[in-house]
Amino acid sequence: MALTGPVFFDTSILLAGLVEMGDASLPACRILDEIARGAVPQPLTAWHCCLEFYSVATRLPPGLRLEPELARRLIEEEILGRFQVCDLPGDS
């Protein structure tokens, strides 16, 4: 089944797809690979997901934890460079 409209991705996909966590990361890595090759039309996320990614990725246990600069670079290149990042509705 082909995707035909916008698809929203939350922090769980961003984190598992960008931080190597073994076999548990494989499905999310596949999704992000498809986004990178342009197979997912209109991938969406939200600013709070970007902030949560940074917060969690830089606090993971040793061996998984990202340095702040690497987490920032991943947000810029892999998320901001490939996703439309949405705000929460103003009335929320």
PDB file of N, CA and C in Angstrom:
ATOM      1  N   MET A   1       0.844  -1.179   0.000  1.00  0.00           N
ATOM      2  CA  MET A   1       0.000   0.000   0.000  1.00  0.00           C
ATOM      3  C   MET A   1       0.890   1.243   0.000  1.00  0.00           C
ATOM      4  N   ALA A   2       0.664   2.128  -0.913  1.00  0.00           N
ATOM      5  CA  ALA A   2       1.437   3.358  -1.008  1.00  0.00           C
ATOM      6  C   ALA A   2       0.812   4.433  -0.140  1.00  0.00           C
ATOM      7  N   LEU A   3       1.658   5.234   0.461  1.00  0.00           N
ATOM      8  CA  LEU A   3       1.182   6.374   1.238  1.00  0.00           C
ATOM      9  C   LEU A   3       0.842   7.505   0.281  1.00  0.00           C
ATOM     10  N   THR A   4      -0.269   8.167   0.527  1.00  0.00           N
ATOM     11  CA  THR A   4      -0.689   9.219  -0.399  1.00  0.00           C
ATOM     12  C   THR A   4      -0.834  10.584   0.249  1.00  0.00           C
ATOM     13  N   GLY A   5      -0.732  10.673   1.559  1.00  0.00           N
ATOM     14  CA  GLY A   5      -0.927  11.963   2.207  1.00  0.00           C
ATOM     15  C   GLY A   5       0.091  12.183   3.299  1.00  0.00           C
ATOM     16  N   PRO A   6      -0.062  13.257   4.028  1.00  0.00           N
ATOM     17  CA  PRO A   6       0.891  13.540   5.096  1.00  0.00           C
ATOM     18  C   PRO A   6       0.850  12.465   6.188  1.00  0.00           C
ATOM     19  N   VAL A   7       2.018  12.169   6.746  1.00  0.00           N
ATOM     20  CA  VAL A   7       2.143  11.191   7.823  1.00  0.00           C
ATOM     21  C   VAL A   7       2.930  11.858   8.944  1.00  0.00           C
ATOM     22  N   PHE A   8       2.399  11.777  10.173  1.00  0.00           N
ATOM     23  CA  PHE A   8       3.038  12.386  11.330  1.00  0.00           C
ATOM     24  C   PHE A   8       3.900  11.357  12.057  1.00  0.00           C
ATOM     25  N   PHE A   9       5.121  11.766  12.409  1.00  0.00           N
ATOM     26  CA  PHE A   9       6.048  10.904  13.143  1.00  0.00           C
ATOM     27  C   PHE A   9       6.388  11.562  14.468  1.00  0.00           C
ATOM     28  N   ASP A  10       6.247  10.790  15.559  1.00  0.00           N
ATOM     29  CA  ASP A  10       6.523  11.348  16.872  1.00  0.00           C
ATOM     30  C   ASP A  10       7.942  11.005  17.324  1.00  0.00           C
ATOM     31  N   THR A  11       8.244  11.390  18.541  1.00  0.00           N
ATOM     32  CA  THR A  11       9.590  11.223  19.080  1.00  0.00           C
ATOM     33  C   THR A  11      10.051   9.777  19.084  1.00  0.00           C
ATOM     34  N   SER A  12       9.149   8.840  19.315  1.00  0.00           N
ATOM     35  CA  SER A  12       9.561   7.435  19.398  1.00  0.00           C
ATOM     36  C   SER A  12      10.197   6.961  18.095  1.00  0.00           C
ATOM     37  N   ILE A  13       9.662   7.382  16.959  1.00  0.00           N
ATOM     38  CA  ILE A  13      10.240   7.010  15.663  1.00  0.00           C
ATOM     39  C   ILE A  13      11.552   7.766  15.439  1.00  0.00           C
ATOM     40  N   LEU A  14      11.573   9.050  15.751  1.00  0.00           N
ATOM     41  CA  LEU A  14      12.782   9.844  15.553  1.00  0.00           C
ATOM     42  C   LEU A  14      13.929   9.304  16.397  1.00  0.00           C
ATOM     43  N   LEU A  15      13.668   9.005  17.647  1.00  0.00           N
ATOM     44  CA  LEU A  15      14.705   8.534  18.555  1.00  0.00           C
ATOM     45  C   LEU A  15      15.220   7.158  18.134  1.00  0.00           C
ATOM     46  N   ALA A  16      14.315   6.214  17.935  1.00  0.00           N
ATOM     47  CA  ALA A  16      14.741   4.856  17.559  1.00  0.00           C
ATOM     48  C   ALA A  16      15.396   4.826  16.190  1.00  0.00           C
ATOM     49  N   GLY A  17      14.990   5.713  15.304  1.00  0.00           N
ATOM     50  CA  GLY A  17      15.562   5.726  13.968  1.00  0.00           C
ATOM     51  C   GLY A  17      16.902   6.420  13.861  1.00  0.00           C
ATOM     52  N   LEU A  18      17.202   7.299  14.813  1.00  0.00           N
ATOM     53  CA  LEU A  18      18.450   8.069  14.743  1.00  0.00           C
ATOM     54  C   LEU A  18      19.481   7.670  15.794  1.00  0.00           C
ATOM     55  N   VAL A  19      19.068   6.897  16.794  1.00  0.00           N
ATOM     56  CA  VAL A  19      19.990   6.404  17.818  1.00  0.00           C
ATOM     57  C   VAL A  19      19.989   4.886  17.734  1.00  0.00           C
ATOM     58  N   GLU A  20      21.136   4.303  17.467  1.00  0.00           N
ATOM     59  CA  GLU A  20      21.252   2.856  17.312  1.00  0.00           C
ATOM     60  C   GLU A  20      20.959   2.161  18.637  1.00  0.00           C
ATOM     61  N   MET A  21      19.854   1.408  18.668  1.00  0.00           N
ATOM     62  CA  MET A  21      19.437   0.686  19.868  1.00  0.00           C
ATOM     63  C   MET A  21      19.267  -0.797  19.575  1.00  0.00           C
ATOM     64  N   GLY A  22      20.027  -1.321  18.637  1.00  0.00           N
ATOM     65  CA  GLY A  22      19.941  -2.735  18.307  1.00  0.00           C
ATOM     66  C   GLY A  22      18.719  -3.055  17.464  1.00  0.00           C
ATOM     67  N   ASP A  23      18.222  -4.278  17.611  1.00  0.00           N
ATOM     68  CA  ASP A  23      17.091  -4.746  16.797  1.00  0.00           C
ATOM     69  C   ASP A  23      15.840  -3.892  16.977  1.00  0.00           C
ATOM     70  N   ALA A  24      15.678  -3.289  18.137  1.00  0.00           N
ATOM     71  CA  ALA A  24      14.496  -2.461  18.387  1.00  0.00           C
ATOM     72  C   ALA A  24      14.456  -1.241  17.472  1.00  0.00           C
ATOM     73  N   SER A  25      15.607  -0.826  16.954  1.00  0.00           N
ATOM     74  CA  SER A  25      15.671   0.343  16.076  1.00  0.00           C
ATOM     75  C   SER A  25      15.365   0.035  14.611  1.00  0.00           C
ATOM     76  N   LEU A  26      15.382  -1.230  14.237  1.00  0.00           N
ATOM     77  CA  LEU A  26      15.263  -1.576  12.816  1.00  0.00           C
ATOM     78  C   LEU A  26      14.009  -1.032  12.127  1.00  0.00           C
ATOM     79  N   PRO A  27      12.809  -1.199  12.689  1.00  0.00           N
ATOM     80  CA  PRO A  27      11.636  -0.652  11.986  1.00  0.00           C
ATOM     81  C   PRO A  27      11.707   0.868  11.808  1.00  0.00           C
ATOM     82  N   ALA A  28      12.123   1.576  12.847  1.00  0.00           N
ATOM     83  CA  ALA A  28      12.221   3.033  12.744  1.00  0.00           C
ATOM     84  C   ALA A  28      13.311   3.443  11.755  1.00  0.00           C
ATOM     85  N   CYS A  29      14.420   2.710  11.725  1.00  0.00           N
ATOM     86  CA  CYS A  29      15.483   3.002  10.751  1.00  0.00           C
ATOM     87  C   CYS A  29      14.971   2.823   9.325  1.00  0.00           C
ATOM     88  N   ARG A  30      14.186   1.802   9.102  1.00  0.00           N
ATOM     89  CA  ARG A  30      13.612   1.572   7.767  1.00  0.00           C
ATOM     90  C   ARG A  30      12.689   2.720   7.361  1.00  0.00           C
ATOM     91  N   ILE A  31      11.898   3.187   8.310  1.00  0.00           N
ATOM     92  CA  ILE A  31      11.002   4.316   8.027  1.00  0.00           C
ATOM     93  C   ILE A  31      11.819   5.552   7.657  1.00  0.00           C
ATOM     94  N   LEU A  32      12.846   5.860   8.445  1.00  0.00           N
ATOM     95  CA  LEU A  32      13.653   7.046   8.149  1.00  0.00           C
ATOM     96  C   LEU A  32      14.418   6.891   6.839  1.00  0.00           C
ATOM     97  N   ASP A  33      14.827   5.674   6.503  1.00  0.00           N
ATOM     98  CA  ASP A  33      15.456   5.442   5.192  1.00  0.00           C
ATOM     99  C   ASP A  33      14.474   5.745   4.062  1.00  0.00           C
ATOM    100  N   GLU A  34      13.223   5.330   4.226  1.00  0.00           N
ATOM    101  CA  GLU A  34      12.200   5.606   3.210  1.00  0.00           C
ATOM    102  C   GLU A  34      11.939   7.108   3.085  1.00  0.00           C
ATOM    103  N   ILE A  35      11.937   7.803   4.202  1.00  0.00           N
ATOM    104  CA  ILE A  35      11.777   9.255   4.167  1.00  0.00           C
ATOM    105  C   ILE A  35      12.954   9.890   3.431  1.00  0.00           C
ATOM    106  N   ALA A  36      14.171   9.435   3.720  1.00  0.00           N
ATOM    107  CA  ALA A  36      15.373   9.987   3.084  1.00  0.00           C
ATOM    108  C   ALA A  36      15.361   9.782   1.577  1.00  0.00           C
ATOM    109  N   ARG A  37      14.794   8.681   1.119  1.00  0.00           N
ATOM    110  CA  ARG A  37      14.765   8.453  -0.329  1.00  0.00           C
ATOM    111  C   ARG A  37      13.537   9.062  -1.000  1.00  0.00           C
ATOM    112  N   GLY A  38      12.699   9.746  -0.206  1.00  0.00           N
ATOM    113  CA  GLY A  38      11.552  10.450  -0.765  1.00  0.00           C
ATOM    114  C   GLY A  38      10.313   9.608  -0.956  1.00  0.00           C
ATOM    115  N   ALA A  39      10.272   8.417  -0.370  1.00  0.00           N
ATOM    116  CA  ALA A  39       9.139   7.513  -0.565  1.00  0.00           C
ATOM    117  C   ALA A  39       7.961   7.820   0.353  1.00  0.00           C
ATOM    118  N   VAL A  40       8.157   8.685   1.324  1.00  0.00           N
ATOM    119  CA  VAL A  40       7.063   9.063   2.231  1.00  0.00           C
ATOM    120  C   VAL A  40       6.694  10.510   1.909  1.00  0.00           C
ATOM    121  N   PRO A  41       5.514  10.705   1.319  1.00  0.00           N
ATOM    122  CA  PRO A  41       5.119  12.074   0.977  1.00  0.00           C
ATOM    123  C   PRO A  41       4.755  12.867   2.233  1.00  0.00           C
ATOM    124  N   GLN A  42       5.239  14.060   2.299  1.00  0.00           N
ATOM    125  CA  GLN A  42       4.887  14.994   3.368  1.00  0.00           C
ATOM    126  C   GLN A  42       5.101  14.426   4.776  1.00  0.00           C
ATOM    127  N   PRO A  43       6.322  14.000   5.128  1.00  0.00           N
ATOM    128  CA  PRO A  43       6.532  13.562   6.509  1.00  0.00           C
ATOM    129  C   PRO A  43       6.435  14.769   7.452  1.00  0.00           C
ATOM    130  N   LEU A  44       5.686  14.598   8.508  1.00  0.00           N
ATOM    131  CA  LEU A  44       5.461  15.677   9.474  1.00  0.00           C
ATOM    132  C   LEU A  44       5.974  15.276  10.843  1.00  0.00           C
ATOM    133  N   THR A  45       6.390  16.255  11.609  1.00  0.00           N
ATOM    134  CA  THR A  45       6.636  16.109  13.035  1.00  0.00           C
ATOM    135  C   THR A  45       6.323  17.459  13.661  1.00  0.00           C
ATOM    136  N   ALA A  46       6.570  17.590  14.950  1.00  0.00           N
ATOM    137  CA  ALA A  46       6.270  18.838  15.648  1.00  0.00           C
ATOM    138  C   ALA A  46       7.508  19.332  16.377  1.00  0.00           C
ATOM    139  N   TRP A  47       7.516  20.616  16.657  1.00  0.00           N
ATOM    140  CA  TRP A  47       8.654  21.201  17.373  1.00  0.00           C
ATOM    141  C   TRP A  47       8.884  20.516  18.706  1.00  0.00           C
ATOM    142  N   HIS A  48       7.805  20.194  19.402  1.00  0.00           N
ATOM    143  CA  HIS A  48       8.002  19.559  20.707  1.00  0.00           C
ATOM    144  C   HIS A  48       8.648  18.176  20.555  1.00  0.00           C
ATOM    145  N   CYS A  49       8.463  17.513  19.422  1.00  0.00           N
ATOM    146  CA  CYS A  49       9.127  16.226  19.181  1.00  0.00           C
ATOM    147  C   CYS A  49      10.629  16.430  18.971  1.00  0.00           C
ATOM    148  N   CYS A  50      11.004  17.515  18.306  1.00  0.00           N
ATOM    149  CA  CYS A  50      12.426  17.833  18.126  1.00  0.00           C
ATOM    150  C   CYS A  50      13.076  18.111  19.474  1.00  0.00           C
ATOM    151  N   LEU A  51      12.414  18.889  20.305  1.00  0.00           N
ATOM    152  CA  LEU A  51      12.942  19.202  21.632  1.00  0.00           C
ATOM    153  C   LEU A  51      13.029  17.952  22.503  1.00  0.00           C
ATOM    154  N   GLU A  52      12.009  17.117  22.423  1.00  0.00           N
ATOM    155  CA  GLU A  52      12.019  15.882  23.201  1.00  0.00           C
ATOM    156  C   GLU A  52      13.122  14.938  22.709  1.00  0.00           C
ATOM    157  N   PHE A  53      13.327  14.867  21.390  1.00  0.00           N
ATOM    158  CA  PHE A  53      14.419  14.055  20.851  1.00  0.00           C
ATOM    159  C   PHE A  53      15.743  14.496  21.461  1.00  0.00           C
ATOM    160  N   TYR A  54      16.006  15.800  21.441  1.00  0.00           N
ATOM    161  CA  TYR A  54      17.263  16.327  21.989  1.00  0.00           C
ATOM    162  C   TYR A  54      17.383  15.993  23.474  1.00  0.00           C
ATOM    163  N   SER A  55      16.334  16.241  24.213  1.00  0.00           N
ATOM    164  CA  SER A  55      16.356  16.011  25.656  1.00  0.00           C
ATOM    165  C   SER A  55      16.629  14.546  25.993  1.00  0.00           C
ATOM    166  N   VAL A  56      15.916  13.650  25.344  1.00  0.00           N
ATOM    167  CA  VAL A  56      16.076  12.222  25.635  1.00  0.00           C
ATOM    168  C   VAL A  56      17.408  11.698  25.110  1.00  0.00           C
ATOM    169  N   ALA A  57      17.773  12.055  23.892  1.00  0.00           N
ATOM    170  CA  ALA A  57      18.999  11.530  23.275  1.00  0.00           C
ATOM    171  C   ALA A  57      20.247  11.920  24.051  1.00  0.00           C
ATOM    172  N   THR A  58      20.231  13.079  24.678  1.00  0.00           N
ATOM    173  CA  THR A  58      21.410  13.530  25.436  1.00  0.00           C
ATOM    174  C   THR A  58      21.387  13.064  26.887  1.00  0.00           C
ATOM    175  N   ARG A  59      20.341  12.310  27.293  1.00  0.00           N
ATOM    176  CA  ARG A  59      20.243  11.768  28.658  1.00  0.00           C
ATOM    177  C   ARG A  59      20.175  10.244  28.682  1.00  0.00           C
ATOM    178  N   LEU A  60      20.301   9.609  27.540  1.00  0.00           N
ATOM    179  CA  LEU A  60      20.253   8.146  27.500  1.00  0.00           C
ATOM    180  C   LEU A  60      21.398   7.554  28.323  1.00  0.00           C
ATOM    181  N   PRO A  61      21.301   6.281  28.663  1.00  0.00           N
ATOM    182  CA  PRO A  61      22.407   5.635  29.386  1.00  0.00           C
ATOM    183  C   PRO A  61      23.701   5.674  28.559  1.00  0.00           C
ATOM    184  N   PRO A  62      24.844   5.641  29.250  1.00  0.00           N
ATOM    185  CA  PRO A  62      26.124   5.599  28.519  1.00  0.00           C
ATOM    186  C   PRO A  62      26.107   4.463  27.490  1.00  0.00           C
ATOM    187  N   GLY A  63      26.704   4.719  26.368  1.00  0.00           N
ATOM    188  CA  GLY A  63      26.710   3.756  25.272  1.00  0.00           C
ATOM    189  C   GLY A  63      25.640   4.057  24.242  1.00  0.00           C
ATOM    190  N   LEU A  64      24.569   4.687  24.668  1.00  0.00           N
ATOM    191  CA  LEU A  64      23.501   5.120  23.763  1.00  0.00           C
ATOM    192  C   LEU A  64      23.436   6.646  23.673  1.00  0.00           C
ATOM    193  N   ARG A  65      23.846   7.311  24.737  1.00  0.00           N
ATOM    194  CA  ARG A  65      23.724   8.769  24.858  1.00  0.00           C
ATOM    195  C   ARG A  65      24.488   9.482  23.747  1.00  0.00           C
ATOM    196  N   LEU A  66      23.836  10.499  23.172  1.00  0.00           N
ATOM    197  CA  LEU A  66      24.476  11.331  22.155  1.00  0.00           C
ATOM    198  C   LEU A  66      25.065  12.582  22.791  1.00  0.00           C
ATOM    199  N   GLU A  67      26.185  12.999  22.262  1.00  0.00           N
ATOM    200  CA  GLU A  67      26.743  14.291  22.656  1.00  0.00           C
ATOM    201  C   GLU A  67      25.790  15.374  22.161  1.00  0.00           C
ATOM    202  N   PRO A  68      25.669  16.473  22.907  1.00  0.00           N
ATOM    203  CA  PRO A  68      24.743  17.536  22.498  1.00  0.00           C
ATOM    204  C   PRO A  68      24.948  18.024  21.061  1.00  0.00           C
ATOM    205  N   GLU A  69      26.187  18.163  20.633  1.00  0.00           N
ATOM    206  CA  GLU A  69      26.453  18.651  19.274  1.00  0.00           C
ATOM    207  C   GLU A  69      25.942  17.656  18.224  1.00  0.00           C
ATOM    208  N   LEU A  70      26.121  16.369  18.464  1.00  0.00           N
ATOM    209  CA  LEU A  70      25.627  15.363  17.520  1.00  0.00           C
ATOM    210  C   LEU A  70      24.100  15.364  17.494  1.00  0.00           C
ATOM    211  N   ALA A  71      23.474  15.467  18.648  1.00  0.00           N
ATOM    212  CA  ALA A  71      22.003  15.518  18.696  1.00  0.00           C
ATOM    213  C   ALA A  71      21.489  16.731  17.919  1.00  0.00           C
ATOM    214  N   ARG A  72      22.143  17.883  18.094  1.00  0.00           N
ATOM    215  CA  ARG A  72      21.748  19.096  17.366  1.00  0.00           C
ATOM    216  C   ARG A  72      21.903  18.897  15.868  1.00  0.00           C
ATOM    217  N   ARG A  73      23.019  18.299  15.463  1.00  0.00           N
ATOM    218  CA  ARG A  73      23.271  18.073  14.036  1.00  0.00           C
ATOM    219  C   ARG A  73      22.247  17.111  13.429  1.00  0.00           C
ATOM    220  N   LEU A  74      21.886  16.078  14.157  1.00  0.00           N
ATOM    221  CA  LEU A  74      20.860  15.152  13.668  1.00  0.00           C
ATOM    222  C   LEU A  74      19.516  15.852  13.505  1.00  0.00           C
ATOM    223  N   ILE A  75      19.173  16.720  14.440  1.00  0.00           N
ATOM    224  CA  ILE A  75      17.929  17.479  14.316  1.00  0.00           C
ATOM    225  C   ILE A  75      17.963  18.337  13.055  1.00  0.00           C
ATOM    226  N   GLU A  76      19.066  19.039  12.863  1.00  0.00           N
ATOM    227  CA  GLU A  76      19.166  19.922  11.691  1.00  0.00           C
ATOM    228  C   GLU A  76      19.131  19.154  10.381  1.00  0.00           C
ATOM    229  N   GLU A  77      19.939  18.108  10.278  1.00  0.00           N
ATOM    230  CA  GLU A  77      20.099  17.402   9.006  1.00  0.00           C
ATOM    231  C   GLU A  77      18.997  16.376   8.739  1.00  0.00           C
ATOM    232  N   GLU A  78      18.692  15.564   9.727  1.00  0.00           N
ATOM    233  CA  GLU A  78      17.780  14.440   9.507  1.00  0.00           C
ATOM    234  C   GLU A  78      16.309  14.798   9.738  1.00  0.00           C
ATOM    235  N   ILE A  79      16.053  15.739  10.633  1.00  0.00           N
ATOM    236  CA  ILE A  79      14.658  16.090  10.921  1.00  0.00           C
ATOM    237  C   ILE A  79      14.280  17.369  10.177  1.00  0.00           C
ATOM    238  N   LEU A  80      14.931  18.480  10.490  1.00  0.00           N
ATOM    239  CA  LEU A  80      14.570  19.741   9.838  1.00  0.00           C
ATOM    240  C   LEU A  80      14.809  19.686   8.335  1.00  0.00           C
ATOM    241  N   GLY A  81      15.793  18.900   7.916  1.00  0.00           N
ATOM    242  CA  GLY A  81      16.104  18.786   6.497  1.00  0.00           C
ATOM    243  C   GLY A  81      15.144  17.907   5.709  1.00  0.00           C
ATOM    244  N   ARG A  82      14.319  17.106   6.412  1.00  0.00           N
ATOM    245  CA  ARG A  82      13.469  16.147   5.692  1.00  0.00           C
ATOM    246  C   ARG A  82      11.994  16.189   6.076  1.00  0.00           C
ATOM    247  N   PHE A  83      11.681  16.794   7.199  1.00  0.00           N
ATOM    248  CA  PHE A  83      10.307  16.815   7.702  1.00  0.00           C
ATOM    249  C   PHE A  83       9.752  18.229   7.653  1.00  0.00           C
ATOM    250  N   GLN A  84       8.452  18.317   7.504  1.00  0.00           N
ATOM    251  CA  GLN A  84       7.783  19.577   7.783  1.00  0.00           C
ATOM    252  C   GLN A  84       7.524  19.568   9.273  1.00  0.00           C
ATOM    253  N   VAL A  85       8.027  20.589   9.972  1.00  0.00           N
ATOM    254  CA  VAL A  85       7.892  20.660  11.423  1.00  0.00           C
ATOM    255  C   VAL A  85       6.754  21.622  11.756  1.00  0.00           C
ATOM    256  N   CYS A  86       5.759  21.124  12.471  1.00  0.00           N
ATOM    257  CA  CYS A  86       4.536  21.872  12.754  1.00  0.00           C
ATOM    258  C   CYS A  86       4.542  22.416  14.177  1.00  0.00           C
ATOM    259  N   ASP A  87       3.814  23.493  14.353  1.00  0.00           N
ATOM    260  CA  ASP A  87       3.560  24.035  15.687  1.00  0.00           C
ATOM    261  C   ASP A  87       2.308  23.378  16.245  1.00  0.00           C
ATOM    262  N   LEU A  88       2.181  23.425  17.550  1.00  0.00           N
ATOM    263  CA  LEU A  88       0.920  23.033  18.161  1.00  0.00           C
ATOM    264  C   LEU A  88      -0.109  24.107  17.810  1.00  0.00           C
ATOM    265  N   PRO A  89      -1.365  23.736  17.708  1.00  0.00           N
ATOM    266  CA  PRO A  89      -2.382  24.765  17.437  1.00  0.00           C
ATOM    267  C   PRO A  89      -2.354  25.838  18.534  1.00  0.00           C
ATOM    268  N   GLY A  90      -2.552  27.084  18.131  1.00  0.00           N
ATOM    269  CA  GLY A  90      -2.482  28.206  19.052  1.00  0.00           C
ATOM    270  C   GLY A  90      -3.464  28.126  20.208  1.00  0.00           C
ATOM    271  N   ASP A  91      -4.569  27.454  20.016  1.00  0.00           N
ATOM    272  CA  ASP A  91      -5.561  27.366  21.078  1.00  0.00           C
ATOM    273  C   ASP A  91      -5.365  26.137  21.974  1.00  0.00           C
ATOM    274  N   SER A  92      -4.264  25.426  21.782  1.00  0.00           N
ATOM    275  CA  SER A  92      -3.987  24.226  22.602  1.00  0.00           C
ATOM    276  C   SER A  92      -3.084  24.547  23.771  1.00  0.00           C
TER     277      SER A  92
END
